[in-house]
N, C-alpha and C. Protein backbone atom coordinates (compact mmCIF):
# COMPACT_ATOMS: atom_id res chain seq x y z
N GLY A 1 15.48 15.99 9.41
CA GLY A 1 15.78 14.65 9.82
C GLY A 1 14.53 13.87 10.14
N LEU A 2 14.73 12.62 10.33
CA LEU A 2 13.63 11.71 10.67
C LEU A 2 13.37 11.79 12.17
N ASP A 3 12.16 12.20 12.53
CA ASP A 3 11.80 12.32 13.95
C ASP A 3 11.14 11.07 14.49
N SER A 4 10.36 10.37 13.63
CA SER A 4 9.68 9.18 14.10
C SER A 4 9.32 8.28 12.92
N VAL A 5 9.06 7.02 13.24
CA VAL A 5 8.64 6.03 12.26
C VAL A 5 7.44 5.28 12.83
N GLU A 6 6.45 5.08 12.01
CA GLU A 6 5.29 4.29 12.38
C GLU A 6 5.24 3.10 11.45
N ALA A 7 5.15 1.89 11.98
CA ALA A 7 5.14 0.69 11.14
C ALA A 7 3.82 -0.06 11.31
N HIS A 8 3.42 -0.71 10.24
CA HIS A 8 2.19 -1.48 10.22
C HIS A 8 2.47 -2.76 9.45
N PHE A 9 2.17 -3.91 10.02
CA PHE A 9 2.32 -5.20 9.35
C PHE A 9 0.92 -5.70 9.01
N ALA A 10 0.70 -6.01 7.74
CA ALA A 10 -0.64 -6.46 7.32
C ALA A 10 -0.58 -7.87 6.75
N HIS A 11 -1.52 -8.68 7.15
CA HIS A 11 -1.69 -10.03 6.63
C HIS A 11 -3.19 -10.19 6.38
N TYR A 12 -3.56 -10.31 5.11
CA TYR A 12 -4.98 -10.35 4.75
C TYR A 12 -5.45 -11.78 4.55
N PRO A 13 -6.58 -12.14 5.14
CA PRO A 13 -7.15 -13.47 4.90
C PRO A 13 -7.74 -13.54 3.49
N PRO A 14 -7.99 -14.73 2.97
CA PRO A 14 -8.57 -14.86 1.63
C PRO A 14 -9.84 -14.03 1.47
N GLY A 15 -9.92 -13.31 0.36
CA GLY A 15 -11.07 -12.48 0.05
C GLY A 15 -11.03 -11.08 0.61
N ALA A 16 -10.05 -10.80 1.47
CA ALA A 16 -9.97 -9.48 2.11
C ALA A 16 -9.11 -8.53 1.29
N GLY A 17 -9.32 -7.25 1.52
CA GLY A 17 -8.53 -6.19 0.91
C GLY A 17 -8.52 -5.02 1.86
N TYR A 18 -8.18 -3.84 1.36
CA TYR A 18 -8.17 -2.64 2.18
C TYR A 18 -8.74 -1.52 1.32
N ALA A 19 -9.77 -0.85 1.80
CA ALA A 19 -10.50 0.15 1.03
C ALA A 19 -9.62 1.35 0.67
N ARG A 20 -10.00 2.04 -0.40
CA ARG A 20 -9.29 3.22 -0.89
C ARG A 20 -9.19 4.29 0.20
N HIS A 21 -7.97 4.84 0.37
CA HIS A 21 -7.74 5.82 1.43
C HIS A 21 -6.42 6.55 1.19
N ARG A 22 -6.15 7.55 2.01
CA ARG A 22 -4.84 8.20 2.12
C ARG A 22 -4.29 7.87 3.49
N ASP A 23 -2.98 7.85 3.62
CA ASP A 23 -2.37 7.50 4.90
C ASP A 23 -2.21 8.67 5.87
N ARG A 24 -2.39 9.89 5.41
CA ARG A 24 -2.25 11.04 6.29
C ARG A 24 -3.62 11.48 6.80
N PHE A 25 -3.70 11.69 8.10
CA PHE A 25 -4.93 12.20 8.70
C PHE A 25 -5.05 13.70 8.42
N ARG A 26 -6.26 14.19 8.24
CA ARG A 26 -6.48 15.62 7.94
C ARG A 26 -5.95 16.53 9.04
N SER A 27 -6.04 16.09 10.29
CA SER A 27 -5.67 16.94 11.42
C SER A 27 -4.24 16.71 11.91
N ASP A 28 -3.45 15.91 11.18
CA ASP A 28 -2.10 15.57 11.64
C ASP A 28 -1.17 15.46 10.44
N ASP A 29 -0.11 16.25 10.43
CA ASP A 29 0.81 16.23 9.29
C ASP A 29 2.05 15.37 9.54
N ALA A 30 1.98 14.47 10.51
CA ALA A 30 3.14 13.65 10.87
C ALA A 30 3.51 12.63 9.78
N ARG A 31 2.53 12.10 9.10
CA ARG A 31 2.81 11.10 8.05
C ARG A 31 3.13 11.81 6.74
N VAL A 32 4.36 11.65 6.28
CA VAL A 32 4.80 12.31 5.05
C VAL A 32 4.96 11.30 3.92
N LEU A 33 5.69 10.23 4.18
CA LEU A 33 5.92 9.18 3.19
C LEU A 33 5.31 7.87 3.64
N SER A 34 4.75 7.15 2.69
CA SER A 34 4.28 5.79 2.94
C SER A 34 5.19 4.84 2.16
N LEU A 35 5.55 3.75 2.78
CA LEU A 35 6.42 2.75 2.15
C LEU A 35 5.77 1.39 2.32
N VAL A 36 5.62 0.68 1.23
CA VAL A 36 5.08 -0.69 1.25
C VAL A 36 6.18 -1.62 0.77
N LEU A 37 6.52 -2.62 1.57
CA LEU A 37 7.52 -3.63 1.21
C LEU A 37 6.84 -4.98 1.27
N TYR A 38 6.90 -5.72 0.16
CA TYR A 38 6.26 -7.04 0.11
C TYR A 38 7.24 -8.13 0.51
N LEU A 39 6.73 -9.07 1.32
CA LEU A 39 7.53 -10.18 1.84
C LEU A 39 6.97 -11.52 1.38
N ASN A 40 6.14 -11.52 0.34
CA ASN A 40 5.48 -12.74 -0.13
C ASN A 40 6.36 -13.50 -1.12
N PRO A 41 6.91 -14.64 -0.73
CA PRO A 41 7.68 -15.43 -1.70
C PRO A 41 6.75 -16.13 -2.69
N GLU A 42 7.12 -16.14 -3.95
CA GLU A 42 6.40 -16.88 -5.00
C GLU A 42 4.90 -16.59 -5.02
N TRP A 43 4.53 -15.32 -4.99
CA TRP A 43 3.11 -14.94 -5.01
C TRP A 43 2.54 -15.15 -6.41
N PRO A 44 1.49 -15.97 -6.57
CA PRO A 44 0.90 -16.17 -7.90
C PRO A 44 0.08 -14.95 -8.32
N GLU A 45 0.25 -14.52 -9.55
CA GLU A 45 -0.43 -13.33 -10.05
C GLU A 45 -1.95 -13.45 -9.94
N ALA A 46 -2.48 -14.65 -10.15
CA ALA A 46 -3.93 -14.86 -10.11
C ALA A 46 -4.50 -14.73 -8.69
N ALA A 47 -3.64 -14.65 -7.68
CA ALA A 47 -4.10 -14.57 -6.29
C ALA A 47 -4.58 -13.17 -5.90
N GLY A 48 -4.37 -12.17 -6.77
CA GLY A 48 -4.82 -10.81 -6.46
C GLY A 48 -3.94 -10.15 -5.43
N GLY A 49 -4.54 -9.27 -4.60
CA GLY A 49 -3.81 -8.60 -3.52
C GLY A 49 -2.92 -7.45 -3.97
N GLN A 50 -3.11 -6.94 -5.18
CA GLN A 50 -2.27 -5.85 -5.67
C GLN A 50 -2.52 -4.56 -4.89
N LEU A 51 -1.48 -3.77 -4.75
CA LEU A 51 -1.59 -2.42 -4.25
C LEU A 51 -1.99 -1.55 -5.43
N ARG A 52 -3.12 -0.86 -5.34
CA ARG A 52 -3.56 0.02 -6.43
C ARG A 52 -3.34 1.46 -5.98
N LEU A 53 -2.47 2.16 -6.72
CA LEU A 53 -2.23 3.58 -6.49
C LEU A 53 -3.12 4.36 -7.44
N HIS A 54 -3.84 5.33 -6.92
CA HIS A 54 -4.72 6.18 -7.73
C HIS A 54 -3.97 7.47 -8.03
N LEU A 55 -3.34 7.52 -9.20
CA LEU A 55 -2.51 8.65 -9.62
C LEU A 55 -3.29 9.53 -10.59
N PRO A 56 -2.87 10.78 -10.80
CA PRO A 56 -3.58 11.68 -11.73
C PRO A 56 -3.72 11.09 -13.13
N GLU A 57 -2.73 10.32 -13.58
CA GLU A 57 -2.79 9.74 -14.93
C GLU A 57 -3.54 8.41 -14.98
N GLY A 58 -4.03 7.96 -13.85
CA GLY A 58 -4.80 6.72 -13.81
C GLY A 58 -4.29 5.77 -12.74
N ALA A 59 -5.01 4.68 -12.56
CA ALA A 59 -4.63 3.70 -11.53
C ALA A 59 -3.43 2.87 -11.98
N VAL A 60 -2.56 2.56 -11.02
CA VAL A 60 -1.40 1.71 -11.25
C VAL A 60 -1.45 0.59 -10.23
N ASP A 61 -1.39 -0.66 -10.69
CA ASP A 61 -1.41 -1.82 -9.80
C ASP A 61 0.00 -2.36 -9.63
N ILE A 62 0.34 -2.66 -8.38
CA ILE A 62 1.65 -3.21 -8.05
C ILE A 62 1.45 -4.57 -7.42
N ALA A 63 2.04 -5.59 -8.04
CA ALA A 63 1.87 -6.96 -7.56
C ALA A 63 2.64 -7.17 -6.26
N PRO A 64 2.08 -7.94 -5.34
CA PRO A 64 2.72 -8.19 -4.05
C PRO A 64 3.79 -9.28 -4.12
N ARG A 65 4.88 -8.97 -4.79
CA ARG A 65 5.97 -9.94 -4.96
C ARG A 65 7.14 -9.62 -4.04
N LEU A 66 7.79 -10.65 -3.55
CA LEU A 66 8.91 -10.53 -2.64
C LEU A 66 9.91 -9.47 -3.09
N GLY A 67 10.21 -8.51 -2.21
CA GLY A 67 11.21 -7.49 -2.47
C GLY A 67 10.70 -6.26 -3.19
N THR A 68 9.45 -6.26 -3.64
CA THR A 68 8.88 -5.10 -4.31
C THR A 68 8.61 -4.01 -3.27
N VAL A 69 8.99 -2.77 -3.61
CA VAL A 69 8.81 -1.63 -2.71
C VAL A 69 8.04 -0.54 -3.45
N ALA A 70 7.08 0.07 -2.78
CA ALA A 70 6.38 1.24 -3.29
C ALA A 70 6.51 2.34 -2.25
N ILE A 71 6.93 3.53 -2.67
CA ILE A 71 7.05 4.69 -1.78
C ILE A 71 6.25 5.82 -2.41
N PHE A 72 5.41 6.47 -1.62
CA PHE A 72 4.58 7.55 -2.15
C PHE A 72 4.26 8.55 -1.04
N LEU A 73 3.81 9.74 -1.44
CA LEU A 73 3.46 10.79 -0.49
C LEU A 73 2.14 10.45 0.21
N SER A 74 2.17 10.41 1.51
CA SER A 74 1.02 9.97 2.31
C SER A 74 -0.22 10.83 2.13
N ALA A 75 -0.04 12.14 1.96
CA ALA A 75 -1.17 13.06 1.87
C ALA A 75 -1.76 13.15 0.48
N GLU A 76 -1.01 12.72 -0.53
CA GLU A 76 -1.43 12.97 -1.90
C GLU A 76 -1.93 11.74 -2.66
N VAL A 77 -1.46 10.57 -2.32
CA VAL A 77 -1.78 9.39 -3.13
C VAL A 77 -2.81 8.50 -2.43
N GLU A 78 -4.01 8.46 -3.02
CA GLU A 78 -5.00 7.50 -2.54
C GLU A 78 -4.58 6.12 -3.04
N HIS A 79 -4.84 5.11 -2.23
CA HIS A 79 -4.46 3.75 -2.59
C HIS A 79 -5.38 2.77 -1.90
N GLU A 80 -5.31 1.53 -2.37
CA GLU A 80 -6.11 0.45 -1.79
C GLU A 80 -5.39 -0.86 -2.03
N VAL A 81 -5.81 -1.89 -1.32
CA VAL A 81 -5.31 -3.24 -1.55
C VAL A 81 -6.48 -4.03 -2.12
N LEU A 82 -6.29 -4.58 -3.31
CA LEU A 82 -7.34 -5.35 -3.96
C LEU A 82 -7.51 -6.69 -3.26
N PRO A 83 -8.71 -7.26 -3.27
CA PRO A 83 -8.94 -8.54 -2.59
C PRO A 83 -7.97 -9.62 -3.08
N ALA A 84 -7.54 -10.42 -2.13
CA ALA A 84 -6.61 -11.52 -2.42
C ALA A 84 -7.29 -12.85 -2.15
N THR A 85 -6.91 -13.86 -2.93
CA THR A 85 -7.46 -15.19 -2.71
C THR A 85 -6.43 -16.10 -2.10
C-alpha cells in the first residue's frame, strides 16, 4: 500500500530549467515512482520547458501541455527540465 506521498510544485522563470538527475536519493528508498502533471494551458511549443527523460533507447521529450502526465521509476530514470522562455 501507499505509505506516504511527497509533492513538489514547480514554476520556472524565463530561461530556467532543472538539471539532469534522479528523484531517489542513494541512501533512501522511499521514492519509488515519480509523477509529473502539467497544468499549463495553451503552452506554445516554441517556449521550451520540456521534460526530457533519459531512457536506454535515447532521450524522450515531453511537452508541458495541460493534462499531460509522465510517470516513471524514481531510481532508474534520469530526467531534466529544458530551459523555458
